[in-house]
């Protein structure tokens, strides 16, 4: 049986606050108020930002 090569990843973000501060090293100010599941849970929050993100935006 030949694989199609497609990989499906599912991630969920459950924010419990309206705002979070993201520090330069990629950590967030209230980590217990941002629940990540799936692929997102294995990454630093900085990996989820747009490629053109500028610190302070």
PDB file of N, CA and C in Angstrom:
ATOM      1  N   UNK A   1       0.844  -1.172   0.000  1.00  0.00           N
ATOM      2  CA  UNK A   1       0.000   0.000   0.000  1.00  0.00           C
ATOM      3  C   UNK A   1       0.892   1.237   0.000  1.00  0.00           C
ATOM      4  N   UNK A   2       0.652   2.143  -0.913  1.00  0.00           N
ATOM      5  CA  UNK A   2       1.469   3.345  -1.046  1.00  0.00           C
ATOM      6  C   UNK A   2       0.823   4.508  -0.291  1.00  0.00           C
ATOM      7  N   UNK A   3       1.612   5.226   0.488  1.00  0.00           N
ATOM      8  CA  UNK A   3       1.128   6.377   1.253  1.00  0.00           C
ATOM      9  C   UNK A   3       1.032   7.605   0.353  1.00  0.00           C
ATOM     10  N   UNK A   4       0.028   8.444   0.596  1.00  0.00           N
ATOM     11  CA  UNK A   4      -0.139   9.674  -0.189  1.00  0.00           C
ATOM     12  C   UNK A   4       0.851  10.755   0.231  1.00  0.00           C
ATOM     13  N   UNK A   5       1.490  10.590   1.394  1.00  0.00           N
ATOM     14  CA  UNK A   5       2.451  11.570   1.878  1.00  0.00           C
ATOM     15  C   UNK A   5       1.816  12.730   2.622  1.00  0.00           C
ATOM     16  N   UNK A   6       0.497  12.796   2.636  1.00  0.00           N
ATOM     17  CA  UNK A   6      -0.182  13.889   3.335  1.00  0.00           C
ATOM     18  C   UNK A   6      -0.190  13.630   4.836  1.00  0.00           C
ATOM     19  N   UNK A   7       0.085  14.674   5.584  1.00  0.00           N
ATOM     20  CA  UNK A   7       0.072  14.594   7.042  1.00  0.00           C
ATOM     21  C   UNK A   7      -0.926  15.620   7.560  1.00  0.00           C
ATOM     22  N   UNK A   8      -1.817  15.189   8.414  1.00  0.00           N
ATOM     23  CA  UNK A   8      -2.797  16.091   9.001  1.00  0.00           C
ATOM     24  C   UNK A   8      -2.417  16.344  10.449  1.00  0.00           C
ATOM     25  N   UNK A   9      -2.301  17.614  10.793  1.00  0.00           N
ATOM     26  CA  UNK A   9      -2.009  17.988  12.171  1.00  0.00           C
ATOM     27  C   UNK A   9      -3.192  18.778  12.705  1.00  0.00           C
ATOM     28  N   UNK A  10      -3.555  18.504  13.925  1.00  0.00           N
ATOM     29  CA  UNK A  10      -4.656  19.220  14.559  1.00  0.00           C
ATOM     30  C   UNK A  10      -4.138  19.875  15.820  1.00  0.00           C
ATOM     31  N   UNK A  11      -4.448  21.148  15.964  1.00  0.00           N
ATOM     32  CA  UNK A  11      -4.037  21.894  17.152  1.00  0.00           C
ATOM     33  C   UNK A  11      -5.210  22.699  17.660  1.00  0.00           C
ATOM     34  N   UNK A  12      -5.247  22.911  18.952  1.00  0.00           N
ATOM     35  CA  UNK A  12      -6.274  23.723  19.570  1.00  0.00           C
ATOM     36  C   UNK A  12      -5.621  24.745  20.485  1.00  0.00           C
ATOM     37  N   UNK A  13      -6.159  25.952  20.496  1.00  0.00           N
ATOM     38  CA  UNK A  13      -5.711  27.015  21.394  1.00  0.00           C
ATOM     39  C   UNK A  13      -6.911  27.420  22.230  1.00  0.00           C
ATOM     40  N   UNK A  14      -6.754  27.362  23.544  1.00  0.00           N
ATOM     41  CA  UNK A  14      -7.827  27.722  24.462  1.00  0.00           C
ATOM     42  C   UNK A  14      -7.359  28.907  25.317  1.00  0.00           C
ATOM     43  N   UNK A  15      -7.567  30.149  24.858  1.00  0.00           N
ATOM     44  CA  UNK A  15      -7.154  31.307  25.667  1.00  0.00           C
ATOM     45  C   UNK A  15      -8.149  31.563  26.791  1.00  0.00           C
ATOM     46  N   UNK A  16      -7.657  31.744  27.989  1.00  0.00           N
ATOM     47  CA  UNK A  16      -8.492  32.058  29.143  1.00  0.00           C
ATOM     48  C   UNK A  16      -8.371  33.528  29.529  1.00  0.00           C
ATOM     49  N   UNK A  17      -7.624  34.305  28.766  1.00  0.00           N
ATOM     50  CA  UNK A  17      -7.476  35.748  28.990  1.00  0.00           C
ATOM     51  C   UNK A  17      -7.552  36.435  27.626  1.00  0.00           C
ATOM     52  N   UNK A  18      -7.826  37.731  27.634  1.00  0.00           N
ATOM     53  CA  UNK A  18      -7.966  38.477  26.384  1.00  0.00           C
ATOM     54  C   UNK A  18      -6.620  38.909  25.800  1.00  0.00           C
ATOM     55  N   UNK A  19      -5.592  39.073  26.643  1.00  0.00           N
ATOM     56  CA  UNK A  19      -4.295  39.543  26.175  1.00  0.00           C
ATOM     57  C   UNK A  19      -3.168  38.750  26.830  1.00  0.00           C
ATOM     58  N   UNK A  20      -2.077  38.616  26.073  1.00  0.00           N
ATOM     59  CA  UNK A  20      -0.874  37.980  26.575  1.00  0.00           C
ATOM     60  C   UNK A  20       0.318  38.784  26.094  1.00  0.00           C
ATOM     61  N   UNK A  21       1.309  38.915  26.935  1.00  0.00           N
ATOM     62  CA  UNK A  21       2.557  39.544  26.513  1.00  0.00           C
ATOM     63  C   UNK A  21       3.505  38.429  26.084  1.00  0.00           C
ATOM     64  N   UNK A  22       4.111  38.597  24.916  1.00  0.00           N
ATOM     65  CA  UNK A  22       5.068  37.614  24.409  1.00  0.00           C
ATOM     66  C   UNK A  22       6.459  38.209  24.563  1.00  0.00           C
ATOM     67  N   UNK A  23       7.309  37.536  25.318  1.00  0.00           N
ATOM     68  CA  UNK A  23       8.653  38.006  25.584  1.00  0.00           C
ATOM     69  C   UNK A  23       9.588  37.609  24.434  1.00  0.00           C
ATOM     70  N   UNK A  24      10.738  38.293  24.292  1.00  0.00           N
ATOM     71  CA  UNK A  24      11.658  38.017  23.167  1.00  0.00           C
ATOM     72  C   UNK A  24      12.066  36.550  23.034  1.00  0.00           C
ATOM     73  N   UNK A  25      12.158  35.819  24.148  1.00  0.00           N
ATOM     74  CA  UNK A  25      12.560  34.407  24.062  1.00  0.00           C
ATOM     75  C   UNK A  25      11.399  33.490  23.683  1.00  0.00           C
ATOM     76  N   UNK A  26      10.201  34.060  23.506  1.00  0.00           N
ATOM     77  CA  UNK A  26       9.052  33.275  23.058  1.00  0.00           C
ATOM     78  C   UNK A  26       8.119  32.825  24.152  1.00  0.00           C
ATOM     79  N   UNK A  27       8.419  33.121  25.413  1.00  0.00           N
ATOM     80  CA  UNK A  27       7.521  32.782  26.511  1.00  0.00           C
ATOM     81  C   UNK A  27       6.397  33.804  26.581  1.00  0.00           C
ATOM     82  N   UNK A  28       5.295  33.432  27.240  1.00  0.00           N
ATOM     83  CA  UNK A  28       4.182  34.364  27.400  1.00  0.00           C
ATOM     84  C   UNK A  28       3.996  34.711  28.864  1.00  0.00           C
ATOM     85  N   UNK A  29       3.320  35.839  29.107  1.00  0.00           N
ATOM     86  CA  UNK A  29       3.193  36.379  30.459  1.00  0.00           C
ATOM     87  C   UNK A  29       2.308  35.525  31.376  1.00  0.00           C
ATOM     88  N   UNK A  30       1.315  34.880  30.846  1.00  0.00           N
ATOM     89  CA  UNK A  30       0.389  34.082  31.661  1.00  0.00           C
ATOM     90  C   UNK A  30       0.259  32.676  31.071  1.00  0.00           C
ATOM     91  N   UNK A  31       1.293  31.844  31.189  1.00  0.00           N
ATOM     92  CA  UNK A  31       1.250  30.535  30.528  1.00  0.00           C
ATOM     93  C   UNK A  31       0.119  29.630  31.003  1.00  0.00           C
ATOM     94  N   UNK A  32      -0.329  29.798  32.244  1.00  0.00           N
ATOM     95  CA  UNK A  32      -1.418  28.951  32.740  1.00  0.00           C
ATOM     96  C   UNK A  32      -2.784  29.382  32.198  1.00  0.00           C
ATOM     97  N   UNK A  33      -2.850  30.520  31.507  1.00  0.00           N
ATOM     98  CA  UNK A  33      -4.109  31.000  30.936  1.00  0.00           C
ATOM     99  C   UNK A  33      -4.183  30.809  29.423  1.00  0.00           C
ATOM    100  N   UNK A  34      -3.203  30.142  28.854  1.00  0.00           N
ATOM    101  CA  UNK A  34      -3.218  29.829  27.420  1.00  0.00           C
ATOM    102  C   UNK A  34      -2.930  28.332  27.278  1.00  0.00           C
ATOM    103  N   UNK A  35      -3.981  27.569  27.072  1.00  0.00           N
ATOM    104  CA  UNK A  35      -3.866  26.120  26.978  1.00  0.00           C
ATOM    105  C   UNK A  35      -3.710  25.738  25.509  1.00  0.00           C
ATOM    106  N   UNK A  36      -2.653  25.003  25.202  1.00  0.00           N
ATOM    107  CA  UNK A  36      -2.362  24.571  23.839  1.00  0.00           C
ATOM    108  C   UNK A  36      -2.456  23.055  23.770  1.00  0.00           C
ATOM    109  N   UNK A  37      -3.083  22.544  22.704  1.00  0.00           N
ATOM    110  CA  UNK A  37      -3.194  21.104  22.507  1.00  0.00           C
ATOM    111  C   UNK A  37      -2.704  20.744  21.113  1.00  0.00           C
ATOM    112  N   UNK A  38      -2.307  19.520  20.932  1.00  0.00           N
ATOM    113  CA  UNK A  38      -1.860  19.044  19.628  1.00  0.00           C
ATOM    114  C   UNK A  38      -0.461  19.541  19.298  1.00  0.00           C
ATOM    115  N   UNK A  39      -0.220  19.802  18.009  1.00  0.00           N
ATOM    116  CA  UNK A  39       1.104  20.213  17.549  1.00  0.00           C
ATOM    117  C   UNK A  39       1.563  21.503  18.228  1.00  0.00           C
ATOM    118  N   UNK A  40       0.640  22.439  18.485  1.00  0.00           N
ATOM    119  CA  UNK A  40       1.008  23.693  19.151  1.00  0.00           C
ATOM    120  C   UNK A  40       1.632  23.437  20.526  1.00  0.00           C
ATOM    121  N   UNK A  41       1.215  22.398  21.220  1.00  0.00           N
ATOM    122  CA  UNK A  41       1.726  22.134  22.566  1.00  0.00           C
ATOM    123  C   UNK A  41       3.184  21.694  22.561  1.00  0.00           C
ATOM    124  N   UNK A  42       3.698  21.318  21.417  1.00  0.00           N
ATOM    125  CA  UNK A  42       5.088  20.870  21.317  1.00  0.00           C
ATOM    126  C   UNK A  42       6.020  21.971  20.836  1.00  0.00           C
ATOM    127  N   UNK A  43       5.493  23.188  20.652  1.00  0.00           N
ATOM    128  CA  UNK A  43       6.291  24.282  20.116  1.00  0.00           C
ATOM    129  C   UNK A  43       6.333  25.458  21.086  1.00  0.00           C
ATOM    130  N   UNK A  44       7.344  26.262  20.947  1.00  0.00           N
ATOM    131  CA  UNK A  44       7.431  27.526  21.661  1.00  0.00           C
ATOM    132  C   UNK A  44       6.423  28.477  21.016  1.00  0.00           C
ATOM    133  N   UNK A  45       5.798  29.340  21.785  1.00  0.00           N
ATOM    134  CA  UNK A  45       4.787  30.256  21.256  1.00  0.00           C
ATOM    135  C   UNK A  45       5.341  31.121  20.127  1.00  0.00           C
ATOM    136  N   UNK A  46       6.639  31.395  20.142  1.00  0.00           N
ATOM    137  CA  UNK A  46       7.234  32.218  19.089  1.00  0.00           C
ATOM    138  C   UNK A  46       7.150  31.548  17.722  1.00  0.00           C
ATOM    139  N   UNK A  47       7.066  30.223  17.669  1.00  0.00           N
ATOM    140  CA  UNK A  47       6.948  29.499  16.398  1.00  0.00           C
ATOM    141  C   UNK A  47       5.570  29.679  15.774  1.00  0.00           C
ATOM    142  N   UNK A  48       4.591  30.170  16.548  1.00  0.00           N
ATOM    143  CA  UNK A  48       3.231  30.352  16.050  1.00  0.00           C
ATOM    144  C   UNK A  48       2.989  31.758  15.511  1.00  0.00           C
ATOM    145  N   UNK A  49       3.957  32.648  15.682  1.00  0.00           N
ATOM    146  CA  UNK A  49       3.788  34.021  15.227  1.00  0.00           C
ATOM    147  C   UNK A  49       4.027  34.118  13.726  1.00  0.00           C
ATOM    148  N   UNK A  50       3.432  35.114  13.073  1.00  0.00           N
ATOM    149  CA  UNK A  50       3.691  35.307  11.641  1.00  0.00           C
ATOM    150  C   UNK A  50       5.185  35.533  11.390  1.00  0.00           C
ATOM    151  N   UNK A  51       5.651  35.137  10.210  1.00  0.00           N
ATOM    152  CA  UNK A  51       7.072  35.270   9.892  1.00  0.00           C
ATOM    153  C   UNK A  51       7.539  36.732   9.915  1.00  0.00           C
ATOM    154  N   UNK A  52       6.640  37.673   9.626  1.00  0.00           N
ATOM    155  CA  UNK A  52       7.014  39.084   9.599  1.00  0.00           C
ATOM    156  C   UNK A  52       6.724  39.803  10.922  1.00  0.00           C
ATOM    157  N   UNK A  53       6.473  39.044  11.998  1.00  0.00           N
ATOM    158  CA  UNK A  53       6.173  39.647  13.299  1.00  0.00           C
ATOM    159  C   UNK A  53       7.360  40.449  13.808  1.00  0.00           C
ATOM    160  N   UNK A  54       7.091  41.648  14.277  1.00  0.00           N
ATOM    161  CA  UNK A  54       8.114  42.494  14.896  1.00  0.00           C
ATOM    162  C   UNK A  54       7.786  42.615  16.374  1.00  0.00           C
ATOM    163  N   UNK A  55       8.760  42.365  17.244  1.00  0.00           N
ATOM    164  CA  UNK A  55       8.528  42.438  18.686  1.00  0.00           C
ATOM    165  C   UNK A  55       7.971  43.813  19.029  1.00  0.00           C
ATOM    166  N   UNK A  56       6.900  43.814  19.810  1.00  0.00           N
ATOM    167  CA  UNK A  56       6.263  45.068  20.214  1.00  0.00           C
ATOM    168  C   UNK A  56       4.991  45.368  19.434  1.00  0.00           C
ATOM    169  N   UNK A  57       4.667  44.569  18.429  1.00  0.00           N
ATOM    170  CA  UNK A  57       3.422  44.774  17.654  1.00  0.00           C
ATOM    171  C   UNK A  57       2.224  44.364  18.458  1.00  0.00           C
TER     172      UNK A  57
END
